[in-house]
Amino acid sequence: MTEIAEIIRYTADIIVTTPDGLVLLIKRGWAPHEGAWALPGGHVDPGETSLAAAARELEEETGVQATAGHLRQVGVFDRPDRDPRGRYVTVAYAVTVPADTPTQPGDDATATCWWPLDDLPPLAFDHADILAAATT
């Protein structure tokens, strides 16, 4: 019997909140879930840690700078069907920033927005689960 190796992609996602109960979301610029709201995040580059990727992706997609030392790990999310492109394993991180932190969409984000945690839009992927793990 020949076994087929599963390709697993490695990503990092970031939950950015303010002390007054807002969370930063991006509007995705391409498939999957083009036009949907999501947490900032993306692929871990070769030779990079998920922590470094989280800080890099946050700045690339939102303009928000956070050093790796300010990010705290929330958990690993690896449900096999969490991404329609295939098997993706993500490490989620969280950071709290001042309420007046400016944002600027970039990379694959077409917009950024601060949303009240108690009034969120539908989120792409399993980002509602990741957000719930970080805020409960």
N, C-alpha and C. Protein backbone atom coordinates (compact mmCIF):
# COMPACT_ATOMS: atom_id res chain seq x y z
N MET A 1 0.84 -1.18 0.00
CA MET A 1 0.00 0.00 0.00
C MET A 1 0.88 1.25 0.00
N THR A 2 0.60 2.15 -0.91
CA THR A 2 1.35 3.39 -0.99
C THR A 2 0.57 4.49 -0.28
N GLU A 3 1.27 5.16 0.62
CA GLU A 3 0.64 6.29 1.32
C GLU A 3 1.03 7.58 0.63
N ILE A 4 0.10 8.47 0.55
CA ILE A 4 0.35 9.79 -0.04
C ILE A 4 0.60 10.77 1.09
N ALA A 5 1.71 11.47 1.02
CA ALA A 5 2.05 12.45 2.06
C ALA A 5 1.13 13.66 1.95
N GLU A 6 0.67 14.11 3.07
CA GLU A 6 -0.18 15.30 3.11
C GLU A 6 0.71 16.54 3.17
N ILE A 7 0.40 17.52 2.34
CA ILE A 7 1.13 18.78 2.38
C ILE A 7 0.48 19.65 3.45
N ILE A 8 1.30 20.09 4.37
CA ILE A 8 0.80 20.95 5.46
C ILE A 8 1.49 22.30 5.34
N ARG A 9 0.67 23.34 5.31
CA ARG A 9 1.19 24.71 5.24
C ARG A 9 1.12 25.34 6.63
N TYR A 10 2.08 26.18 6.91
CA TYR A 10 2.28 26.75 8.25
C TYR A 10 2.00 28.25 8.19
N THR A 11 1.10 28.73 9.05
CA THR A 11 0.73 30.14 9.05
C THR A 11 0.71 30.69 10.47
N ALA A 12 0.57 31.99 10.57
CA ALA A 12 0.42 32.68 11.84
C ALA A 12 -0.72 33.69 11.70
N ASP A 13 -1.55 33.80 12.72
CA ASP A 13 -2.64 34.77 12.76
C ASP A 13 -2.49 35.62 14.01
N ILE A 14 -3.01 36.85 13.97
CA ILE A 14 -2.83 37.78 15.07
C ILE A 14 -4.16 38.41 15.46
N ILE A 15 -4.46 38.34 16.74
CA ILE A 15 -5.63 39.02 17.30
C ILE A 15 -5.13 40.31 17.93
N VAL A 16 -5.56 41.44 17.39
CA VAL A 16 -5.16 42.75 17.89
C VAL A 16 -6.38 43.39 18.52
N THR A 17 -6.31 43.64 19.82
CA THR A 17 -7.43 44.26 20.53
C THR A 17 -6.98 45.54 21.20
N THR A 18 -7.99 46.34 21.56
CA THR A 18 -7.75 47.56 22.33
C THR A 18 -8.35 47.37 23.72
N PRO A 19 -7.90 48.15 24.69
CA PRO A 19 -8.45 48.02 26.04
C PRO A 19 -9.96 48.30 26.11
N ASP A 20 -10.50 49.03 25.14
CA ASP A 20 -11.93 49.36 25.17
C ASP A 20 -12.79 48.39 24.36
N GLY A 21 -12.25 47.21 24.00
CA GLY A 21 -13.08 46.15 23.43
C GLY A 21 -13.22 46.13 21.93
N LEU A 22 -12.24 46.66 21.20
CA LEU A 22 -12.27 46.58 19.74
C LEU A 22 -11.25 45.55 19.27
N VAL A 23 -11.50 44.97 18.11
CA VAL A 23 -10.56 44.04 17.49
C VAL A 23 -10.31 44.50 16.05
N LEU A 24 -9.07 44.37 15.63
CA LEU A 24 -8.67 44.80 14.29
C LEU A 24 -8.88 43.67 13.29
N LEU A 25 -9.64 43.94 12.24
CA LEU A 25 -9.87 42.97 11.18
C LEU A 25 -9.41 43.55 9.84
N ILE A 26 -9.07 42.65 8.92
CA ILE A 26 -8.74 43.06 7.56
C ILE A 26 -9.80 42.53 6.62
N LYS A 27 -9.99 43.22 5.51
CA LYS A 27 -10.84 42.70 4.44
C LYS A 27 -9.90 42.04 3.43
N ARG A 28 -10.16 40.76 3.17
CA ARG A 28 -9.29 39.98 2.29
C ARG A 28 -9.39 40.45 0.84
N GLY A 29 -8.21 40.55 0.20
CA GLY A 29 -8.16 41.03 -1.17
C GLY A 29 -8.22 39.95 -2.23
N TRP A 30 -8.12 38.68 -1.84
CA TRP A 30 -8.21 37.61 -2.82
C TRP A 30 -8.70 36.32 -2.20
N ALA A 31 -8.99 35.36 -3.10
CA ALA A 31 -9.52 34.06 -2.67
C ALA A 31 -8.48 33.30 -1.86
N PRO A 32 -8.92 32.44 -0.98
CA PRO A 32 -10.33 32.20 -0.67
C PRO A 32 -10.88 33.29 0.24
N HIS A 33 -12.15 33.39 0.27
CA HIS A 33 -12.87 34.36 1.11
C HIS A 33 -12.58 35.81 0.70
N GLU A 34 -12.39 36.05 -0.59
CA GLU A 34 -12.15 37.42 -1.05
C GLU A 34 -13.30 38.32 -0.61
N GLY A 35 -12.96 39.48 -0.03
CA GLY A 35 -13.96 40.43 0.43
C GLY A 35 -14.47 40.16 1.83
N ALA A 36 -14.08 39.05 2.43
CA ALA A 36 -14.53 38.72 3.79
C ALA A 36 -13.59 39.34 4.81
N TRP A 37 -14.10 39.54 6.02
CA TRP A 37 -13.31 40.04 7.12
C TRP A 37 -12.57 38.89 7.77
N ALA A 38 -11.33 39.15 8.20
CA ALA A 38 -10.48 38.12 8.78
C ALA A 38 -9.49 38.75 9.74
N LEU A 39 -8.85 37.92 10.51
CA LEU A 39 -7.72 38.36 11.33
C LEU A 39 -6.52 38.58 10.42
N PRO A 40 -5.64 39.50 10.78
CA PRO A 40 -4.39 39.61 10.03
C PRO A 40 -3.59 38.32 10.19
N GLY A 41 -2.84 37.97 9.17
CA GLY A 41 -2.00 36.79 9.27
C GLY A 41 -1.56 36.31 7.91
N GLY A 42 -0.75 35.27 7.91
CA GLY A 42 -0.28 34.72 6.65
C GLY A 42 0.76 33.64 6.85
N HIS A 43 1.39 33.27 5.76
CA HIS A 43 2.35 32.17 5.76
C HIS A 43 3.62 32.50 6.53
N VAL A 44 4.16 31.48 7.18
CA VAL A 44 5.46 31.56 7.81
C VAL A 44 6.49 31.30 6.71
N ASP A 45 7.42 32.22 6.54
CA ASP A 45 8.43 32.10 5.50
C ASP A 45 9.52 31.09 5.91
N PRO A 46 10.22 30.51 4.93
CA PRO A 46 11.32 29.60 5.26
C PRO A 46 12.32 30.27 6.20
N GLY A 47 12.74 29.56 7.23
CA GLY A 47 13.71 30.08 8.19
C GLY A 47 13.12 31.02 9.22
N GLU A 48 11.82 31.23 9.20
CA GLU A 48 11.15 32.18 10.08
C GLU A 48 10.33 31.42 11.13
N THR A 49 10.25 31.96 12.32
CA THR A 49 9.37 31.39 13.34
C THR A 49 7.96 31.92 13.14
N SER A 50 6.98 31.23 13.71
CA SER A 50 5.61 31.74 13.62
C SER A 50 5.49 33.06 14.36
N LEU A 51 6.22 33.25 15.42
CA LEU A 51 6.19 34.51 16.17
C LEU A 51 6.69 35.66 15.31
N ALA A 52 7.81 35.46 14.63
CA ALA A 52 8.34 36.50 13.74
C ALA A 52 7.38 36.75 12.57
N ALA A 53 6.78 35.67 12.05
CA ALA A 53 5.81 35.82 10.95
C ALA A 53 4.60 36.62 11.41
N ALA A 54 4.13 36.39 12.62
CA ALA A 54 2.98 37.13 13.13
C ALA A 54 3.27 38.63 13.18
N ALA A 55 4.42 38.99 13.71
CA ALA A 55 4.79 40.41 13.78
C ALA A 55 4.93 41.00 12.38
N ARG A 56 5.55 40.26 11.47
CA ARG A 56 5.74 40.73 10.09
C ARG A 56 4.42 40.89 9.37
N GLU A 57 3.56 39.87 9.43
CA GLU A 57 2.27 39.93 8.76
C GLU A 57 1.39 41.06 9.31
N LEU A 58 1.43 41.26 10.61
CA LEU A 58 0.65 42.34 11.21
C LEU A 58 1.05 43.68 10.60
N GLU A 59 2.35 43.93 10.52
CA GLU A 59 2.80 45.20 9.94
C GLU A 59 2.49 45.29 8.45
N GLU A 60 2.70 44.20 7.71
CA GLU A 60 2.46 44.22 6.26
C GLU A 60 0.98 44.46 5.93
N GLU A 61 0.09 43.86 6.68
CA GLU A 61 -1.33 43.93 6.35
C GLU A 61 -2.07 45.10 6.98
N THR A 62 -1.55 45.63 8.10
CA THR A 62 -2.28 46.68 8.81
C THR A 62 -1.46 47.92 9.12
N GLY A 63 -0.15 47.86 8.96
CA GLY A 63 0.70 48.98 9.33
C GLY A 63 0.97 49.06 10.82
N VAL A 64 0.40 48.17 11.61
CA VAL A 64 0.60 48.18 13.07
C VAL A 64 1.89 47.44 13.38
N GLN A 65 2.74 48.09 14.17
CA GLN A 65 3.99 47.46 14.58
C GLN A 65 3.87 46.91 15.98
N ALA A 66 4.28 45.67 16.16
CA ALA A 66 4.35 45.05 17.48
C ALA A 66 5.57 44.15 17.47
N THR A 67 6.41 44.29 18.46
CA THR A 67 7.58 43.42 18.52
C THR A 67 7.14 42.03 18.96
N ALA A 68 7.94 41.06 18.59
CA ALA A 68 7.64 39.68 18.97
C ALA A 68 7.48 39.55 20.48
N GLY A 69 8.18 40.35 21.25
CA GLY A 69 8.09 40.30 22.70
C GLY A 69 6.75 40.75 23.25
N HIS A 70 5.97 41.47 22.46
CA HIS A 70 4.66 41.93 22.90
C HIS A 70 3.54 40.95 22.55
N LEU A 71 3.82 39.99 21.66
CA LEU A 71 2.81 39.04 21.24
C LEU A 71 2.78 37.85 22.19
N ARG A 72 1.57 37.41 22.54
CA ARG A 72 1.44 36.20 23.38
C ARG A 72 0.72 35.14 22.57
N GLN A 73 1.20 33.92 22.72
CA GLN A 73 0.61 32.82 21.95
C GLN A 73 -0.75 32.44 22.53
N VAL A 74 -1.74 32.31 21.65
CA VAL A 74 -3.10 31.92 22.02
C VAL A 74 -3.26 30.41 21.88
N GLY A 75 -2.73 29.85 20.79
CA GLY A 75 -2.85 28.42 20.57
C GLY A 75 -2.56 28.04 19.15
N VAL A 76 -2.66 26.74 18.90
CA VAL A 76 -2.45 26.17 17.58
C VAL A 76 -3.79 25.68 17.08
N PHE A 77 -4.11 26.01 15.83
CA PHE A 77 -5.38 25.64 15.23
C PHE A 77 -5.08 24.80 13.99
N ASP A 78 -5.53 23.54 14.03
CA ASP A 78 -5.12 22.60 12.99
C ASP A 78 -6.25 21.71 12.48
N ARG A 79 -7.48 22.15 12.66
CA ARG A 79 -8.58 21.35 12.13
C ARG A 79 -8.36 21.12 10.63
N PRO A 80 -8.43 19.87 10.15
CA PRO A 80 -8.08 19.58 8.76
C PRO A 80 -8.86 20.39 7.72
N ASP A 81 -10.08 20.80 8.02
CA ASP A 81 -10.89 21.52 7.03
C ASP A 81 -10.96 23.02 7.28
N ARG A 82 -10.03 23.57 8.01
CA ARG A 82 -10.12 24.99 8.37
C ARG A 82 -9.85 25.94 7.20
N ASP A 83 -9.25 25.43 6.12
CA ASP A 83 -8.95 26.27 4.96
C ASP A 83 -9.31 25.49 3.70
N PRO A 84 -10.08 26.09 2.78
CA PRO A 84 -10.48 25.37 1.58
C PRO A 84 -9.32 25.05 0.62
N ARG A 85 -8.17 25.67 0.80
CA ARG A 85 -7.02 25.42 -0.08
C ARG A 85 -6.28 24.13 0.26
N GLY A 86 -6.57 23.56 1.43
CA GLY A 86 -5.85 22.37 1.86
C GLY A 86 -5.55 22.44 3.35
N ARG A 87 -4.58 21.67 3.77
CA ARG A 87 -4.25 21.56 5.19
C ARG A 87 -3.37 22.72 5.63
N TYR A 88 -3.91 23.54 6.51
CA TYR A 88 -3.19 24.68 7.06
C TYR A 88 -3.18 24.57 8.57
N VAL A 89 -2.01 24.74 9.15
CA VAL A 89 -1.87 24.77 10.60
C VAL A 89 -1.42 26.18 10.96
N THR A 90 -2.14 26.82 11.86
CA THR A 90 -1.78 28.18 12.25
C THR A 90 -1.49 28.27 13.73
N VAL A 91 -0.55 29.12 14.07
CA VAL A 91 -0.29 29.49 15.45
C VAL A 91 -0.85 30.89 15.60
N ALA A 92 -1.75 31.07 16.56
CA ALA A 92 -2.38 32.38 16.76
C ALA A 92 -1.72 33.10 17.93
N TYR A 93 -1.56 34.39 17.74
CA TYR A 93 -0.97 35.27 18.75
C TYR A 93 -1.93 36.41 19.02
N ALA A 94 -1.76 37.05 20.17
CA ALA A 94 -2.59 38.20 20.54
C ALA A 94 -1.72 39.32 21.06
N VAL A 95 -2.21 40.53 20.86
CA VAL A 95 -1.55 41.72 21.37
C VAL A 95 -2.63 42.77 21.64
N THR A 96 -2.43 43.56 22.68
CA THR A 96 -3.32 44.68 22.97
C THR A 96 -2.56 45.96 22.66
N VAL A 97 -3.21 46.85 21.93
CA VAL A 97 -2.60 48.11 21.53
C VAL A 97 -3.47 49.27 22.01
N PRO A 98 -2.93 50.48 22.07
CA PRO A 98 -3.75 51.63 22.48
C PRO A 98 -4.96 51.83 21.56
N ALA A 99 -6.02 52.37 22.11
CA ALA A 99 -7.27 52.56 21.37
C ALA A 99 -7.11 53.47 20.15
N ASP A 100 -6.16 54.34 20.14
CA ASP A 100 -6.00 55.28 19.04
C ASP A 100 -4.95 54.82 18.01
N THR A 101 -4.62 53.55 18.00
CA THR A 101 -3.60 53.03 17.08
C THR A 101 -4.10 53.14 15.64
N PRO A 102 -3.36 53.87 14.80
CA PRO A 102 -3.78 53.99 13.39
C PRO A 102 -3.46 52.72 12.61
N THR A 103 -4.23 52.47 11.55
CA THR A 103 -4.00 51.31 10.69
C THR A 103 -3.97 51.76 9.24
N GLN A 104 -3.33 50.95 8.41
CA GLN A 104 -3.23 51.21 6.99
C GLN A 104 -3.23 49.87 6.27
N PRO A 105 -4.23 49.58 5.44
CA PRO A 105 -4.23 48.29 4.76
C PRO A 105 -3.06 48.16 3.79
N GLY A 106 -2.54 46.96 3.70
CA GLY A 106 -1.44 46.68 2.79
C GLY A 106 -1.39 45.20 2.47
N ASP A 107 -0.45 44.81 1.63
CA ASP A 107 -0.27 43.43 1.21
C ASP A 107 -1.58 42.91 0.64
N ASP A 108 -2.16 41.85 1.20
CA ASP A 108 -3.40 41.31 0.63
C ASP A 108 -4.66 41.83 1.31
N ALA A 109 -4.53 42.85 2.14
CA ALA A 109 -5.69 43.47 2.80
C ALA A 109 -6.14 44.69 1.99
N THR A 110 -7.44 44.72 1.67
CA THR A 110 -7.96 45.88 0.94
C THR A 110 -8.52 46.94 1.87
N ALA A 111 -8.75 46.56 3.14
CA ALA A 111 -9.25 47.50 4.14
C ALA A 111 -8.92 46.96 5.52
N THR A 112 -8.86 47.86 6.48
CA THR A 112 -8.74 47.50 7.89
C THR A 112 -9.85 48.21 8.64
N CYS A 113 -10.29 47.61 9.72
CA CYS A 113 -11.36 48.22 10.50
C CYS A 113 -11.31 47.72 11.93
N TRP A 114 -11.56 48.62 12.86
CA TRP A 114 -11.70 48.25 14.27
C TRP A 114 -13.16 47.89 14.50
N TRP A 115 -13.43 46.68 14.95
CA TRP A 115 -14.79 46.19 15.19
C TRP A 115 -15.01 45.95 16.67
N PRO A 116 -16.21 46.27 17.19
CA PRO A 116 -16.53 45.91 18.58
C PRO A 116 -16.56 44.38 18.72
N LEU A 117 -15.92 43.89 19.76
CA LEU A 117 -15.90 42.44 19.98
C LEU A 117 -17.29 41.83 20.10
N ASP A 118 -18.25 42.63 20.53
CA ASP A 118 -19.61 42.11 20.72
C ASP A 118 -20.51 42.36 19.51
N ASP A 119 -19.95 42.80 18.39
CA ASP A 119 -20.74 43.06 17.18
C ASP A 119 -19.89 42.82 15.93
N LEU A 120 -19.41 41.59 15.76
CA LEU A 120 -18.50 41.26 14.67
C LEU A 120 -19.25 40.83 13.41
N PRO A 121 -18.65 41.07 12.26
CA PRO A 121 -19.21 40.53 11.01
C PRO A 121 -18.87 39.04 10.93
N PRO A 122 -19.45 38.33 9.98
CA PRO A 122 -19.00 36.95 9.75
C PRO A 122 -17.51 36.96 9.39
N LEU A 123 -16.75 36.02 9.93
CA LEU A 123 -15.31 35.98 9.71
C LEU A 123 -14.91 34.80 8.82
N ALA A 124 -13.86 35.00 8.05
CA ALA A 124 -13.32 33.97 7.16
C ALA A 124 -12.67 32.85 7.97
N PHE A 125 -12.52 31.71 7.31
CA PHE A 125 -11.83 30.56 7.88
C PHE A 125 -12.46 30.19 9.23
N ASP A 126 -11.62 29.86 10.21
CA ASP A 126 -12.07 29.56 11.57
C ASP A 126 -11.72 30.71 12.51
N HIS A 127 -11.64 31.93 11.97
CA HIS A 127 -11.18 33.06 12.75
C HIS A 127 -12.11 33.41 13.90
N ALA A 128 -13.38 33.09 13.81
CA ALA A 128 -14.28 33.31 14.95
C ALA A 128 -13.86 32.40 16.11
N ASP A 129 -13.47 31.17 15.82
CA ASP A 129 -13.00 30.25 16.86
C ASP A 129 -11.70 30.74 17.47
N ILE A 130 -10.79 31.22 16.64
CA ILE A 130 -9.51 31.72 17.14
C ILE A 130 -9.75 32.93 18.04
N LEU A 131 -10.61 33.84 17.60
CA LEU A 131 -10.93 35.03 18.38
C LEU A 131 -11.58 34.64 19.71
N ALA A 132 -12.47 33.68 19.69
CA ALA A 132 -13.12 33.22 20.92
C ALA A 132 -12.08 32.64 21.89
N ALA A 133 -11.12 31.91 21.38
CA ALA A 133 -10.08 31.32 22.25
C ALA A 133 -9.22 32.41 22.90
N ALA A 134 -9.05 33.52 22.21
CA ALA A 134 -8.21 34.60 22.73
C ALA A 134 -8.94 35.51 23.70
N THR A 135 -10.25 35.56 23.60
CA THR A 135 -11.00 36.55 24.39
C THR A 135 -11.89 35.95 25.47
N THR A 136 -11.88 34.63 25.65
CA THR A 136 -12.69 34.03 26.71
C THR A 136 -11.84 33.45 27.79
